[in-house]
Amino acid sequence: MHMRRLPIRTFAALTALAALGLPALAGCGTQAAGAPRDPGTTAGGRTVRAHQVMRLTEVHEQTGTTLLEGPVFTEDGELLVVDVTAPAGEPKVLRVNVRKKTSQPVHTDARGTYTSAQFSPYDGRIYLTDFSHGDIVSLAPDGGDPRTFFSGEVDGARMNPDDLAFDREGNLYLSDSRGMSEGEAKGRVVRIDRTGKEATVLAHGLTSPNGISFDADYRGLWFSELTQNRVSYLLLDGKGRVASRHTAIRVDGGIAQTDSIAVDADGNLYQGLHGRPAMAVYDKYGRRLATVEVPDRAARGLESATNVAITPGGTKAYMTVSGPSGGYLYGFDALGEGIRQSNGG
C-alpha cells in the first residue's frame, strides 16, 4: 500500500493497525473560495486551560498505542468512550463515572476498530463506526446485544466511516474517509436512513473527511477534512438532500490537523486537533473564539485532542486526549451549553 504521508492519528497507531492487518484511518475534502482565514490564537480568541480528570488507558502492548474518541453521555450522566486501537479482548468501549473518576469495560470484540459512538434518538441504542470494516454496529444501552446495523458497499465502494451524526428522526450522517491510505480524494459524506436499508452519498471527492456534526438548528452539517485543515458547511433542504456546500473555515494548525467536531447550544464549533492536544473553538461565522489547551508539562506526552462531550444542559466539557503518555479525559468550561450535537459522534 502506497502512502504519500501520514494524514491521520499517529504514526504509532498506523503502524500498529497495519501490523494487525487493519487499514490506516482516513479523512477527505474539496476546495472552495471565500472561507474566512483562521486568525490564530493570539489575534482571534482567548486560551482556555483544561485540567486533567483521569487517565483511562495506557498504551496497548499489542498495538503500540492508545487513542480515545467519541465521548458521549448516558442518561444517568456517565460517559462512554471508545478506544480506537484497543486489541481484541481489551475494552473497546468504556463507561466512565467522571465524579468518582472510575471506569469499567462495556464492550469488546475481535473485529471492530471503533472511531465514534453516539446514541440514536430513534431507538436509544449506541451506534459505533467500525473504520476498518465499513460497518455500523449498534449496542443496547448497557453495552450488550451487539448488532450489525449496516454493512456492505455504498455506490460500489465500502466505507471507512469515521464520525457520526444523527438528525432528529434518527437517520445517520457519516464522514467516510475512503481513499485516505492511498492519498486520494475519494472521501464522502454518506446518509443512511434509520432502517439501515438506504444509503446515499451527499458529497464526494473529499480528502480525509473526519469530524461531522449538525449545526444547532439542524439546518446543515459541518464537516472537517483532516488533510486539508478546513471545515465545510453542507446546507440541507429538510429532506436529507444537499441544497448547497461551501468551505467555511480554514484552520491554520501548523503541524496539527482537523479531527472531530462538536457544536454547542450557541452554535459554536469545537474543532478537535490531531498533532496537538488542543481544540479550536469558532462561532458559526468562522470567528476564532478560543483555544482549549492542556497544561504545557502534560502536553509533552500527548498528541491529540480528538473530541469533546459537553454535559447536556450544562457547560462542563470533557475532551478525549491521547498520546505516548496514555489516553486521558480533560475537563474545561465550554462556551455554551451542551446539546445532542456536543454529545457523541
C-alpha atoms as a PDB file:
ATOM      1  CA  MET A   1       0.000   0.000   0.000  1.00  0.00           C
ATOM      2  CA  HIS A   2       1.459   3.340  -1.043  1.00  0.00           C
ATOM      3  CA  MET A   3       1.004   6.311   1.295  1.00  0.00           C
ATOM      4  CA  ARG A   4       2.222   9.787   0.409  1.00  0.00           C
ATOM      5  CA  ARG A   5       2.092  10.946   4.019  1.00  0.00           C
ATOM      6  CA  LEU A   6       0.648  10.137   7.423  1.00  0.00           C
ATOM      7  CA  PRO A   7      -2.599  12.111   7.312  1.00  0.00           C
ATOM      8  CA  ILE A   8      -4.357  10.958  10.463  1.00  0.00           C
ATOM      9  CA  ARG A   9      -3.856   9.862  14.042  1.00  0.00           C
ATOM     10  CA  THR A  10      -0.290   8.963  14.976  1.00  0.00           C
ATOM     11  CA  PHE A  11       2.452   7.041  13.206  1.00  0.00           C
ATOM     12  CA  ALA A  12       2.418   4.527  16.033  1.00  0.00           C
ATOM     13  CA  ALA A  13      -1.319   3.983  15.607  1.00  0.00           C
ATOM     14  CA  LEU A  14      -0.976   3.449  11.867  1.00  0.00           C
ATOM     15  CA  THR A  15       1.931   1.076  12.307  1.00  0.00           C
ATOM     16  CA  ALA A  16       0.040  -0.895  14.931  1.00  0.00           C
ATOM     17  CA  LEU A  17      -3.112  -1.145  12.842  1.00  0.00           C
ATOM     18  CA  ALA A  18      -1.147  -2.235   9.794  1.00  0.00           C
ATOM     19  CA  ALA A  19       0.567  -4.923  11.844  1.00  0.00           C
ATOM     20  CA  LEU A  20      -2.829  -6.232  12.841  1.00  0.00           C
ATOM     21  CA  GLY A  21      -3.980  -6.307   9.253  1.00  0.00           C
ATOM     22  CA  LEU A  22      -6.169  -3.225   9.642  1.00  0.00           C
ATOM     23  CA  PRO A  23      -6.208  -0.373   7.144  1.00  0.00           C
ATOM     24  CA  ALA A  24      -4.970   3.058   8.179  1.00  0.00           C
ATOM     25  CA  LEU A  25      -7.539   5.530   9.433  1.00  0.00           C
ATOM     26  CA  ALA A  26      -8.811   8.173   6.989  1.00  0.00           C
ATOM     27  CA  GLY A  27     -10.104  11.686   6.045  1.00  0.00           C
ATOM     28  CA  CYS A  28     -11.094  13.856   2.886  1.00  0.00           C
ATOM     29  CA  GLY A  29     -12.322  17.332   1.280  1.00  0.00           C
ATOM     30  CA  THR A  30     -12.882  19.778  -1.659  1.00  0.00           C
ATOM     31  CA  GLN A  31     -11.610  23.276  -2.344  1.00  0.00           C
ATOM     32  CA  ALA A  32     -13.840  26.356  -2.295  1.00  0.00           C
ATOM     33  CA  ALA A  33     -13.103  30.060  -2.216  1.00  0.00           C
ATOM     34  CA  GLY A  34     -14.210  32.724   0.196  1.00  0.00           C
ATOM     35  CA  ALA A  35     -13.678  30.988   3.533  1.00  0.00           C
ATOM     36  CA  PRO A  36     -12.544  33.167   6.443  1.00  0.00           C
ATOM     37  CA  ARG A  37      -8.938  32.694   7.424  1.00  0.00           C
ATOM     38  CA  ASP A  38      -8.242  31.392  10.889  1.00  0.00           C
ATOM     39  CA  PRO A  39      -6.806  34.375  12.791  1.00  0.00           C
ATOM     40  CA  GLY A  40      -4.991  32.075  15.210  1.00  0.00           C
ATOM     41  CA  THR A  41      -4.910  32.042  18.979  1.00  0.00           C
ATOM     42  CA  THR A  42      -3.149  35.342  19.573  1.00  0.00           C
ATOM     43  CA  ALA A  43      -5.246  37.518  17.275  1.00  0.00           C
ATOM     44  CA  GLY A  44      -8.515  35.643  17.484  1.00  0.00           C
ATOM     45  CA  GLY A  45      -9.523  34.309  20.871  1.00  0.00           C
ATOM     46  CA  ARG A  46      -8.635  33.518  24.425  1.00  0.00           C
ATOM     47  CA  THR A  47      -6.907  30.472  25.849  1.00  0.00           C
ATOM     48  CA  VAL A  48      -8.988  28.069  27.953  1.00  0.00           C
ATOM     49  CA  ARG A  49      -6.887  25.837  30.207  1.00  0.00           C
ATOM     50  CA  ALA A  50      -8.189  22.289  30.547  1.00  0.00           C
ATOM     51  CA  HIS A  51      -7.471  20.200  33.647  1.00  0.00           C
ATOM     52  CA  GLN A  52      -6.779  16.504  33.861  1.00  0.00           C
ATOM     53  CA  VAL A  53      -9.751  14.482  35.096  1.00  0.00           C
ATOM     54  CA  MET A  54      -8.270  11.000  34.847  1.00  0.00           C
ATOM     55  CA  ARG A  55      -6.199   8.614  32.800  1.00  0.00           C
ATOM     56  CA  LEU A  56      -8.404   5.995  31.165  1.00  0.00           C
ATOM     57  CA  THR A  57      -5.989   3.843  29.173  1.00  0.00           C
ATOM     58  CA  GLU A  58      -2.333   3.025  28.790  1.00  0.00           C
ATOM     59  CA  VAL A  59      -0.527   2.237  25.559  1.00  0.00           C
ATOM     60  CA  HIS A  60      -1.529  -1.259  24.425  1.00  0.00           C
ATOM     61  CA  GLU A  61       1.363  -3.681  24.106  1.00  0.00           C
ATOM     62  CA  GLN A  62      -0.165  -5.345  21.040  1.00  0.00           C
ATOM     63  CA  THR A  63      -0.916  -2.189  19.042  1.00  0.00           C
ATOM     64  CA  GLY A  64       1.776   0.089  20.472  1.00  0.00           C
ATOM     65  CA  THR A  65      -0.642   2.955  21.082  1.00  0.00           C
ATOM     66  CA  THR A  66      -3.952   4.057  22.553  1.00  0.00           C
ATOM     67  CA  LEU A  67      -6.405   6.517  21.020  1.00  0.00           C
ATOM     68  CA  LEU A  68      -9.580   7.704  22.765  1.00  0.00           C
ATOM     69  CA  GLU A  69     -12.557   9.028  20.791  1.00  0.00           C
ATOM     70  CA  GLY A  70     -16.323   9.514  20.663  1.00  0.00           C
ATOM     71  CA  PRO A  71     -17.227  10.624  24.226  1.00  0.00           C
ATOM     72  CA  VAL A  72     -20.987  10.510  24.814  1.00  0.00           C
ATOM     73  CA  PHE A  73     -23.080  10.917  27.976  1.00  0.00           C
ATOM     74  CA  THR A  74     -25.548   8.241  29.039  1.00  0.00           C
ATOM     75  CA  GLU A  75     -28.951   9.081  30.512  1.00  0.00           C
ATOM     76  CA  ASP A  76     -27.578   8.565  34.026  1.00  0.00           C
ATOM     77  CA  GLY A  77     -24.766  11.068  33.471  1.00  0.00           C
ATOM     78  CA  GLU A  78     -21.891   8.673  32.932  1.00  0.00           C
ATOM     79  CA  LEU A  79     -19.621   8.923  29.915  1.00  0.00           C
ATOM     80  CA  LEU A  80     -18.990   6.331  27.207  1.00  0.00           C
ATOM     81  CA  VAL A  81     -15.639   6.489  25.391  1.00  0.00           C
ATOM     82  CA  VAL A  82     -14.190   4.328  22.602  1.00  0.00           C
ATOM     83  CA  ASP A  83     -10.548   3.244  22.379  1.00  0.00           C
ATOM     84  CA  VAL A  84      -9.790   3.082  18.653  1.00  0.00           C
ATOM     85  CA  THR A  85      -6.656   0.955  18.886  1.00  0.00           C
ATOM     86  CA  ALA A  86      -7.720  -1.474  21.628  1.00  0.00           C
ATOM     87  CA  PRO A  87      -6.929  -5.054  20.543  1.00  0.00           C
ATOM     88  CA  ALA A  88      -9.293  -7.994  20.841  1.00  0.00           C
ATOM     89  CA  GLY A  89     -10.067  -8.836  24.454  1.00  0.00           C
ATOM     90  CA  GLU A  90      -9.359  -5.349  25.802  1.00  0.00           C
ATOM     91  CA  PRO A  91     -12.155  -2.804  26.301  1.00  0.00           C
ATOM     92  CA  LYS A  92     -13.126  -1.068  23.053  1.00  0.00           C
ATOM     93  CA  VAL A  93     -15.947   0.839  24.742  1.00  0.00           C
ATOM     94  CA  LEU A  94     -15.586   2.086  28.335  1.00  0.00           C
ATOM     95  CA  ARG A  95     -18.073   3.596  30.772  1.00  0.00           C
ATOM     96  CA  VAL A  96     -16.691   6.390  32.937  1.00  0.00           C
ATOM     97  CA  ASN A  97     -18.013   7.864  36.176  1.00  0.00           C
ATOM     98  CA  VAL A  98     -16.411  11.310  35.933  1.00  0.00           C
ATOM     99  CA  ARG A  99     -17.417  12.205  39.522  1.00  0.00           C
ATOM    100  CA  LYS A 100     -15.791   9.138  41.067  1.00  0.00           C
ATOM    101  CA  LYS A 101     -13.052   9.010  38.398  1.00  0.00           C
ATOM    102  CA  THR A 102     -13.625   5.326  37.761  1.00  0.00           C
ATOM    103  CA  SER A 103     -14.171   3.334  34.576  1.00  0.00           C
ATOM    104  CA  GLN A 104     -15.365  -0.108  33.574  1.00  0.00           C
ATOM    105  CA  PRO A 105     -15.402  -2.069  30.299  1.00  0.00           C
ATOM    106  CA  VAL A 106     -18.645  -2.054  28.316  1.00  0.00           C
ATOM    107  CA  HIS A 107     -17.841  -3.874  25.087  1.00  0.00           C
ATOM    108  CA  THR A 108     -15.051  -5.683  23.273  1.00  0.00           C
ATOM    109  CA  ASP A 109     -14.854  -7.968  20.260  1.00  0.00           C
ATOM    110  CA  ALA A 110     -12.258  -9.487  17.955  1.00  0.00           C
ATOM    111  CA  ARG A 111     -13.042  -7.329  14.946  1.00  0.00           C
ATOM    112  CA  GLY A 112     -14.060  -3.703  15.304  1.00  0.00           C
ATOM    113  CA  THR A 113     -11.926  -0.568  15.038  1.00  0.00           C
ATOM    114  CA  TYR A 114     -14.394   1.883  16.572  1.00  0.00           C
ATOM    115  CA  THR A 115     -13.803   5.585  15.971  1.00  0.00           C
ATOM    116  CA  SER A 116     -17.024   7.156  17.287  1.00  0.00           C
ATOM    117  CA  ALA A 117     -20.083   6.484  19.434  1.00  0.00           C
ATOM    118  CA  GLN A 118     -23.499   8.083  19.715  1.00  0.00           C
ATOM    119  CA  PHE A 119     -26.995   7.248  20.969  1.00  0.00           C
ATOM    120  CA  SER A 120     -29.758   7.145  18.362  1.00  0.00           C
ATOM    121  CA  PRO A 121     -32.793   9.387  19.030  1.00  0.00           C
ATOM    122  CA  TYR A 122     -34.903   6.766  17.226  1.00  0.00           C
ATOM    123  CA  ASP A 123     -34.237   3.541  19.139  1.00  0.00           C
ATOM    124  CA  GLY A 124     -31.973   4.657  22.026  1.00  0.00           C
ATOM    125  CA  ARG A 125     -29.186   2.239  21.120  1.00  0.00           C
ATOM    126  CA  ILE A 126     -25.461   3.049  20.975  1.00  0.00           C
ATOM    127  CA  TYR A 127     -24.110   3.273  17.431  1.00  0.00           C
ATOM    128  CA  LEU A 128     -20.421   2.687  16.672  1.00  0.00           C
ATOM    129  CA  THR A 129     -18.489   3.287  13.437  1.00  0.00           C
ATOM    130  CA  ASP A 130     -16.131   0.435  12.524  1.00  0.00           C
ATOM    131  CA  PHE A 131     -13.476   2.202  10.478  1.00  0.00           C
ATOM    132  CA  SER A 132     -11.620  -0.890   9.308  1.00  0.00           C
ATOM    133  CA  HIS A 133     -14.564  -2.920   8.033  1.00  0.00           C
ATOM    134  CA  GLY A 134     -17.016  -0.244   6.914  1.00  0.00           C
ATOM    135  CA  ASP A 135     -19.714  -1.409   9.316  1.00  0.00           C
ATOM    136  CA  ILE A 136     -22.060   0.420  11.652  1.00  0.00           C
ATOM    137  CA  VAL A 137     -22.599  -1.605  14.838  1.00  0.00           C
ATOM    138  CA  SER A 138     -25.245  -0.948  17.471  1.00  0.00           C
ATOM    139  CA  LEU A 139     -25.362  -1.969  21.133  1.00  0.00           C
ATOM    140  CA  ALA A 140     -28.054  -1.922  23.787  1.00  0.00           C
ATOM    141  CA  PRO A 141     -27.685   0.998  26.232  1.00  0.00           C
ATOM    142  CA  ASP A 142     -25.933  -1.333  28.684  1.00  0.00           C
ATOM    143  CA  GLY A 143     -23.436  -2.422  26.015  1.00  0.00           C
ATOM    144  CA  GLY A 144     -24.987  -5.802  25.292  1.00  0.00           C
ATOM    145  CA  ASP A 145     -26.886  -7.214  22.310  1.00  0.00           C
ATOM    146  CA  PRO A 146     -24.407  -6.248  19.566  1.00  0.00           C
ATOM    147  CA  ARG A 147     -25.952  -5.973  16.087  1.00  0.00           C
ATOM    148  CA  THR A 148     -24.627  -5.018  12.667  1.00  0.00           C
ATOM    149  CA  PHE A 149     -26.848  -2.133  11.590  1.00  0.00           C
ATOM    150  CA  PHE A 150     -25.191  -1.555   8.215  1.00  0.00           C
ATOM    151  CA  SER A 151     -22.553  -3.399   6.205  1.00  0.00           C
ATOM    152  CA  GLY A 152     -21.506  -3.514   2.589  1.00  0.00           C
ATOM    153  CA  GLU A 153     -20.866  -1.088  -0.231  1.00  0.00           C
ATOM    154  CA  VAL A 154     -22.243   2.389  -0.851  1.00  0.00           C
ATOM    155  CA  ASP A 155     -22.353   3.267  -4.550  1.00  0.00           C
ATOM    156  CA  GLY A 156     -19.986   0.414  -5.315  1.00  0.00           C
ATOM    157  CA  ALA A 157     -17.397   1.110  -2.623  1.00  0.00           C
ATOM    158  CA  ARG A 158     -17.086   0.063   1.004  1.00  0.00           C
ATOM    159  CA  MET A 159     -16.839   2.892   3.524  1.00  0.00           C
ATOM    160  CA  ASN A 160     -14.224   3.792   6.102  1.00  0.00           C
ATOM    161  CA  PRO A 161     -16.701   5.503   8.461  1.00  0.00           C
ATOM    162  CA  ASP A 162     -15.011   7.826  10.925  1.00  0.00           C
ATOM    163  CA  ASP A 163     -17.509  10.077  12.727  1.00  0.00           C
ATOM    164  CA  LEU A 164     -21.288  10.037  13.041  1.00  0.00           C
ATOM    165  CA  ALA A 165     -24.217  12.445  13.441  1.00  0.00           C
ATOM    166  CA  PHE A 166     -27.973  11.808  13.772  1.00  0.00           C
ATOM    167  CA  ASP A 167     -30.794  14.017  12.599  1.00  0.00           C
ATOM    168  CA  ARG A 168     -33.934  14.401  14.733  1.00  0.00           C
ATOM    169  CA  GLU A 169     -35.608  11.416  13.054  1.00  0.00           C
ATOM    170  CA  GLY A 170     -32.679   9.066  13.694  1.00  0.00           C
ATOM    171  CA  ASN A 171     -31.144   8.983  10.214  1.00  0.00           C
ATOM    172  CA  LEU A 172     -27.344   8.686  10.225  1.00  0.00           C
ATOM    173  CA  TYR A 173     -24.810  11.011   8.584  1.00  0.00           C
ATOM    174  CA  LEU A 174     -21.236   9.746   8.320  1.00  0.00           C
ATOM    175  CA  SER A 175     -17.818  11.039   7.358  1.00  0.00           C
ATOM    176  CA  ASP A 176     -16.404   8.343   5.073  1.00  0.00           C
ATOM    177  CA  SER A 177     -12.607   8.561   4.897  1.00  0.00           C
ATOM    178  CA  ARG A 178     -12.301   6.239   1.921  1.00  0.00           C
ATOM    179  CA  GLY A 179      -9.102   6.839  -0.073  1.00  0.00           C
ATOM    180  CA  MET A 180      -7.026   8.149   2.815  1.00  0.00           C
ATOM    181  CA  SER A 181      -4.481   5.316   2.867  1.00  0.00           C
ATOM    182  CA  GLU A 182      -3.877   5.808  -0.873  1.00  0.00           C
ATOM    183  CA  GLY A 183      -3.667   9.582  -0.517  1.00  0.00           C
ATOM    184  CA  GLU A 184      -6.579  10.007  -2.910  1.00  0.00           C
ATOM    185  CA  ALA A 185      -9.604  12.309  -2.765  1.00  0.00           C
ATOM    186  CA  LYS A 186     -12.213   9.551  -2.564  1.00  0.00           C
ATOM    187  CA  GLY A 187     -13.820  10.520   0.750  1.00  0.00           C
ATOM    188  CA  ARG A 188     -17.540  11.092   1.126  1.00  0.00           C
ATOM    189  CA  VAL A 189     -20.349  12.265   3.357  1.00  0.00           C
ATOM    190  CA  VAL A 190     -22.921   9.470   3.478  1.00  0.00           C
ATOM    191  CA  ARG A 191     -26.509   9.405   4.734  1.00  0.00           C
ATOM    192  CA  ILE A 192     -28.034   6.120   5.922  1.00  0.00           C
ATOM    193  CA  ASP A 193     -31.736   6.050   6.731  1.00  0.00           C
ATOM    194  CA  ARG A 194     -32.726   4.918  10.215  1.00  0.00           C
ATOM    195  CA  THR A 195     -33.704   1.425   9.000  1.00  0.00           C
ATOM    196  CA  GLY A 196     -30.211   0.806   7.615  1.00  0.00           C
ATOM    197  CA  LYS A 197     -31.632  -0.097   4.197  1.00  0.00           C
ATOM    198  CA  GLU A 198     -30.915   3.014   2.128  1.00  0.00           C
ATOM    199  CA  ALA A 199     -27.521   4.732   1.801  1.00  0.00           C
ATOM    200  CA  THR A 200     -26.990   7.963  -0.153  1.00  0.00           C
ATOM    201  CA  VAL A 201     -23.792   9.869  -0.950  1.00  0.00           C
ATOM    202  CA  LEU A 202     -24.286  13.580  -0.154  1.00  0.00           C
ATOM    203  CA  ALA A 203     -20.756  14.738  -1.020  1.00  0.00           C
ATOM    204  CA  HIS A 204     -17.805  13.041  -2.706  1.00  0.00           C
ATOM    205  CA  GLY A 205     -14.275  13.747  -3.897  1.00  0.00           C
ATOM    206  CA  LEU A 206     -13.233  14.709  -0.358  1.00  0.00           C
ATOM    207  CA  THR A 207      -9.787  14.364   1.190  1.00  0.00           C
ATOM    208  CA  SER A 208      -9.882  12.676   4.598  1.00  0.00           C
ATOM    209  CA  PRO A 209     -13.286  13.778   5.967  1.00  0.00           C
ATOM    210  CA  ASN A 210     -13.232  13.320   9.718  1.00  0.00           C
ATOM    211  CA  GLY A 211     -15.450  15.366  12.047  1.00  0.00           C
ATOM    212  CA  ILE A 212     -19.154  15.768  11.300  1.00  0.00           C
ATOM    213  CA  SER A 213     -21.935  17.477  13.248  1.00  0.00           C
ATOM    214  CA  PHE A 214     -25.267  19.140  12.628  1.00  0.00           C
ATOM    215  CA  ASP A 215     -25.489  22.822  13.438  1.00  0.00           C
ATOM    216  CA  ALA A 216     -27.602  23.879  16.419  1.00  0.00           C
ATOM    217  CA  ASP A 217     -30.790  24.185  14.301  1.00  0.00           C
ATOM    218  CA  TYR A 218     -30.333  21.008  12.212  1.00  0.00           C
ATOM    219  CA  ARG A 219     -30.284  23.101   9.035  1.00  0.00           C
ATOM    220  CA  GLY A 220     -26.969  21.719   7.834  1.00  0.00           C
ATOM    221  CA  LEU A 221     -23.829  19.736   8.547  1.00  0.00           C
ATOM    222  CA  TRP A 222     -20.353  20.904   9.461  1.00  0.00           C
ATOM    223  CA  PHE A 223     -17.615  18.502   8.370  1.00  0.00           C
ATOM    224  CA  SER A 224     -13.827  18.705   8.531  1.00  0.00           C
ATOM    225  CA  GLU A 225     -11.186  17.394   6.130  1.00  0.00           C
ATOM    226  CA  LEU A 226      -8.155  16.351   8.108  1.00  0.00           C
ATOM    227  CA  THR A 227      -5.510  16.580   5.396  1.00  0.00           C
ATOM    228  CA  GLN A 228      -6.820  19.938   4.138  1.00  0.00           C
ATOM    229  CA  ASN A 229      -7.306  21.600   7.547  1.00  0.00           C
ATOM    230  CA  ARG A 230     -10.641  23.012   6.524  1.00  0.00           C
ATOM    231  CA  VAL A 231     -14.233  22.860   7.721  1.00  0.00           C
ATOM    232  CA  SER A 232     -17.080  22.883   5.209  1.00  0.00           C
ATOM    233  CA  TYR A 233     -20.797  23.513   5.597  1.00  0.00           C
ATOM    234  CA  LEU A 234     -23.391  21.336   3.872  1.00  0.00           C
ATOM    235  CA  LEU A 235     -26.797  23.050   3.809  1.00  0.00           C
ATOM    236  CA  LEU A 236     -29.675  20.554   3.624  1.00  0.00           C
ATOM    237  CA  ASP A 237     -33.161  21.018   2.180  1.00  0.00           C
ATOM    238  CA  GLY A 238     -35.076  19.496   5.117  1.00  0.00           C
ATOM    239  CA  LYS A 239     -35.461  16.144   3.356  1.00  0.00           C
ATOM    240  CA  GLY A 240     -31.902  14.920   3.740  1.00  0.00           C
ATOM    241  CA  ARG A 241     -30.759  16.301   0.368  1.00  0.00           C
ATOM    242  CA  VAL A 242     -27.990  18.828  -0.272  1.00  0.00           C
ATOM    243  CA  ALA A 243     -29.024  22.395  -1.064  1.00  0.00           C
ATOM    244  CA  SER A 244     -25.514  23.893  -1.156  1.00  0.00           C
ATOM    245  CA  ARG A 245     -21.968  23.400   0.087  1.00  0.00           C
ATOM    246  CA  HIS A 246     -19.063  25.728   0.782  1.00  0.00           C
ATOM    247  CA  THR A 247     -15.764  25.902   2.639  1.00  0.00           C
ATOM    248  CA  ALA A 248     -16.477  27.704   5.907  1.00  0.00           C
ATOM    249  CA  ILE A 249     -13.232  27.796   7.942  1.00  0.00           C
ATOM    250  CA  ARG A 250      -9.575  27.275   7.116  1.00  0.00           C
ATOM    251  CA  VAL A 251      -7.702  26.178  10.212  1.00  0.00           C
ATOM    252  CA  ASP A 252      -4.115  27.403  10.492  1.00  0.00           C
ATOM    253  CA  GLY A 253      -2.971  24.488  12.612  1.00  0.00           C
ATOM    254  CA  GLY A 254       0.723  24.273  11.777  1.00  0.00           C
ATOM    255  CA  ILE A 255       1.604  20.616  12.234  1.00  0.00           C
ATOM    256  CA  ALA A 256      -1.833  19.943  13.783  1.00  0.00           C
ATOM    257  CA  GLN A 257      -4.774  18.739  11.685  1.00  0.00           C
ATOM    258  CA  THR A 258      -8.556  18.943  11.973  1.00  0.00           C
ATOM    259  CA  ASP A 259     -10.173  15.969  13.727  1.00  0.00           C
ATOM    260  CA  SER A 260     -13.706  15.664  15.181  1.00  0.00           C
ATOM    261  CA  ILE A 261     -16.331  18.419  15.534  1.00  0.00           C
ATOM    262  CA  ALA A 262     -18.908  19.216  18.227  1.00  0.00           C
ATOM    263  CA  VAL A 263     -21.457  22.073  18.355  1.00  0.00           C
ATOM    264  CA  ASP A 264     -22.952  23.722  21.464  1.00  0.00           C
ATOM    265  CA  ALA A 265     -26.343  25.362  22.010  1.00  0.00           C
ATOM    266  CA  ASP A 266     -24.991  28.739  20.843  1.00  0.00           C
ATOM    267  CA  GLY A 267     -23.866  27.225  17.564  1.00  0.00           C
ATOM    268  CA  ASN A 268     -20.151  27.339  18.410  1.00  0.00           C
ATOM    269  CA  LEU A 269     -17.900  24.720  16.797  1.00  0.00           C
ATOM    270  CA  TYR A 270     -15.359  22.776  18.852  1.00  0.00           C
ATOM    271  CA  GLN A 271     -12.760  21.551  16.376  1.00  0.00           C
ATOM    272  CA  GLY A 272     -10.549  18.782  17.725  1.00  0.00           C
ATOM    273  CA  LEU A 273      -6.913  18.661  16.655  1.00  0.00           C
ATOM    274  CA  HIS A 274      -4.579  15.800  15.812  1.00  0.00           C
ATOM    275  CA  GLY A 275      -0.912  16.640  16.265  1.00  0.00           C
ATOM    276  CA  ARG A 276      -1.577  18.941  19.220  1.00  0.00           C
ATOM    277  CA  PRO A 277      -3.554  18.242  22.429  1.00  0.00           C
ATOM    278  CA  ALA A 278      -5.887  21.197  21.899  1.00  0.00           C
ATOM    279  CA  MET A 279      -9.243  22.256  20.456  1.00  0.00           C
ATOM    280  CA  ALA A 280     -10.056  25.356  18.418  1.00  0.00           C
ATOM    281  CA  VAL A 281     -13.451  26.983  19.092  1.00  0.00           C
ATOM    282  CA  TYR A 282     -15.225  29.048  16.419  1.00  0.00           C
ATOM    283  CA  ASP A 283     -18.581  30.760  16.164  1.00  0.00           C
ATOM    284  CA  LYS A 284     -20.888  29.881  13.271  1.00  0.00           C
ATOM    285  CA  TYR A 285     -19.409  32.731  11.206  1.00  0.00           C
ATOM    286  CA  GLY A 286     -15.917  31.304  11.414  1.00  0.00           C
ATOM    287  CA  ARG A 287     -14.513  33.669  14.053  1.00  0.00           C
ATOM    288  CA  ARG A 288     -11.932  32.060  16.347  1.00  0.00           C
ATOM    289  CA  LEU A 289     -13.279  32.435  19.884  1.00  0.00           C
ATOM    290  CA  ALA A 290     -10.867  30.348  21.931  1.00  0.00           C
ATOM    291  CA  THR A 291      -8.285  27.602  22.031  1.00  0.00           C
ATOM    292  CA  VAL A 292      -8.667  24.884  24.657  1.00  0.00           C
ATOM    293  CA  GLU A 293      -5.246  23.630  25.761  1.00  0.00           C
ATOM    294  CA  VAL A 294      -3.813  21.166  28.276  1.00  0.00           C
ATOM    295  CA  PRO A 295      -1.005  22.405  30.564  1.00  0.00           C
ATOM    296  CA  ASP A 296       2.397  22.614  28.862  1.00  0.00           C
ATOM    297  CA  ARG A 297       4.008  19.995  31.083  1.00  0.00           C
ATOM    298  CA  ALA A 298       1.299  17.410  30.335  1.00  0.00           C
ATOM    299  CA  ALA A 299       1.296  18.241  26.617  1.00  0.00           C
ATOM    300  CA  ARG A 300       4.765  16.758  26.194  1.00  0.00           C
ATOM    301  CA  GLY A 301       3.344  13.233  26.316  1.00  0.00           C
ATOM    302  CA  LEU A 302       0.122  13.909  24.395  1.00  0.00           C
ATOM    303  CA  GLU A 303      -0.533  14.209  20.662  1.00  0.00           C
ATOM    304  CA  SER A 304      -4.232  14.788  20.072  1.00  0.00           C
ATOM    305  CA  ALA A 305      -7.494  16.107  21.467  1.00  0.00           C
ATOM    306  CA  THR A 306      -9.872  14.252  19.200  1.00  0.00           C
ATOM    307  CA  ASN A 307     -13.352  15.042  20.505  1.00  0.00           C
ATOM    308  CA  VAL A 308     -15.449  16.530  23.306  1.00  0.00           C
ATOM    309  CA  ALA A 309     -18.740  15.922  25.124  1.00  0.00           C
ATOM    310  CA  ILE A 310     -20.474  18.820  26.882  1.00  0.00           C
ATOM    311  CA  THR A 311     -22.897  17.999  29.692  1.00  0.00           C
ATOM    312  CA  PRO A 312     -26.452  18.230  28.262  1.00  0.00           C
ATOM    313  CA  GLY A 313     -27.964  21.488  29.535  1.00  0.00           C
ATOM    314  CA  GLY A 314     -24.682  22.440  31.253  1.00  0.00           C
ATOM    315  CA  THR A 315     -21.226  23.687  30.358  1.00  0.00           C
ATOM    316  CA  LYS A 316     -18.916  21.074  31.895  1.00  0.00           C
ATOM    317  CA  ALA A 317     -16.940  19.662  28.978  1.00  0.00           C
ATOM    318  CA  TYR A 318     -14.777  16.552  28.741  1.00  0.00           C
ATOM    319  CA  MET A 319     -12.357  16.051  25.860  1.00  0.00           C
ATOM    320  CA  THR A 320     -10.555  12.859  24.886  1.00  0.00           C
ATOM    321  CA  VAL A 321      -6.782  13.369  24.799  1.00  0.00           C
ATOM    322  CA  SER A 322      -4.214  10.740  23.807  1.00  0.00           C
ATOM    323  CA  GLY A 323      -0.515  10.180  23.188  1.00  0.00           C
ATOM    324  CA  PRO A 324       2.518   8.201  24.375  1.00  0.00           C
ATOM    325  CA  SER A 325       1.536   9.010  27.974  1.00  0.00           C
ATOM    326  CA  GLY A 326      -1.802   7.218  27.548  1.00  0.00           C
ATOM    327  CA  GLY A 327      -5.447   8.088  26.996  1.00  0.00           C
ATOM    328  CA  TYR A 328      -6.989  10.778  29.219  1.00  0.00           C
ATOM    329  CA  LEU A 329     -10.096  12.792  29.914  1.00  0.00           C
ATOM    330  CA  TYR A 330      -9.504  16.528  30.343  1.00  0.00           C
ATOM    331  CA  GLY A 331     -12.181  18.902  31.607  1.00  0.00           C
ATOM    332  CA  PHE A 332     -12.933  22.556  30.912  1.00  0.00           C
ATOM    333  CA  ASP A 333     -15.813  25.045  30.906  1.00  0.00           C
ATOM    334  CA  ALA A 334     -17.444  25.192  27.480  1.00  0.00           C
ATOM    335  CA  LEU A 335     -18.532  28.482  25.938  1.00  0.00           C
ATOM    336  CA  GLY A 336     -22.139  27.281  25.546  1.00  0.00           C
ATOM    337  CA  GLU A 337     -24.441  24.577  26.923  1.00  0.00           C
ATOM    338  CA  GLY A 338     -24.328  21.004  25.742  1.00  0.00           C
ATOM    339  CA  ILE A 339     -26.890  19.642  23.268  1.00  0.00           C
ATOM    340  CA  ARG A 340     -27.107  16.450  21.160  1.00  0.00           C
ATOM    341  CA  GLN A 341     -24.565  17.907  18.720  1.00  0.00           C
ATOM    342  CA  SER A 342     -21.987  18.128  21.520  1.00  0.00           C
ATOM    343  CA  ASN A 343     -22.658  14.661  22.886  1.00  0.00           C
ATOM    344  CA  GLY A 344     -21.044  11.871  20.875  1.00  0.00           C
ATOM    345  CA  GLY A 345     -20.025  11.363  17.274  1.00  0.00           C
END
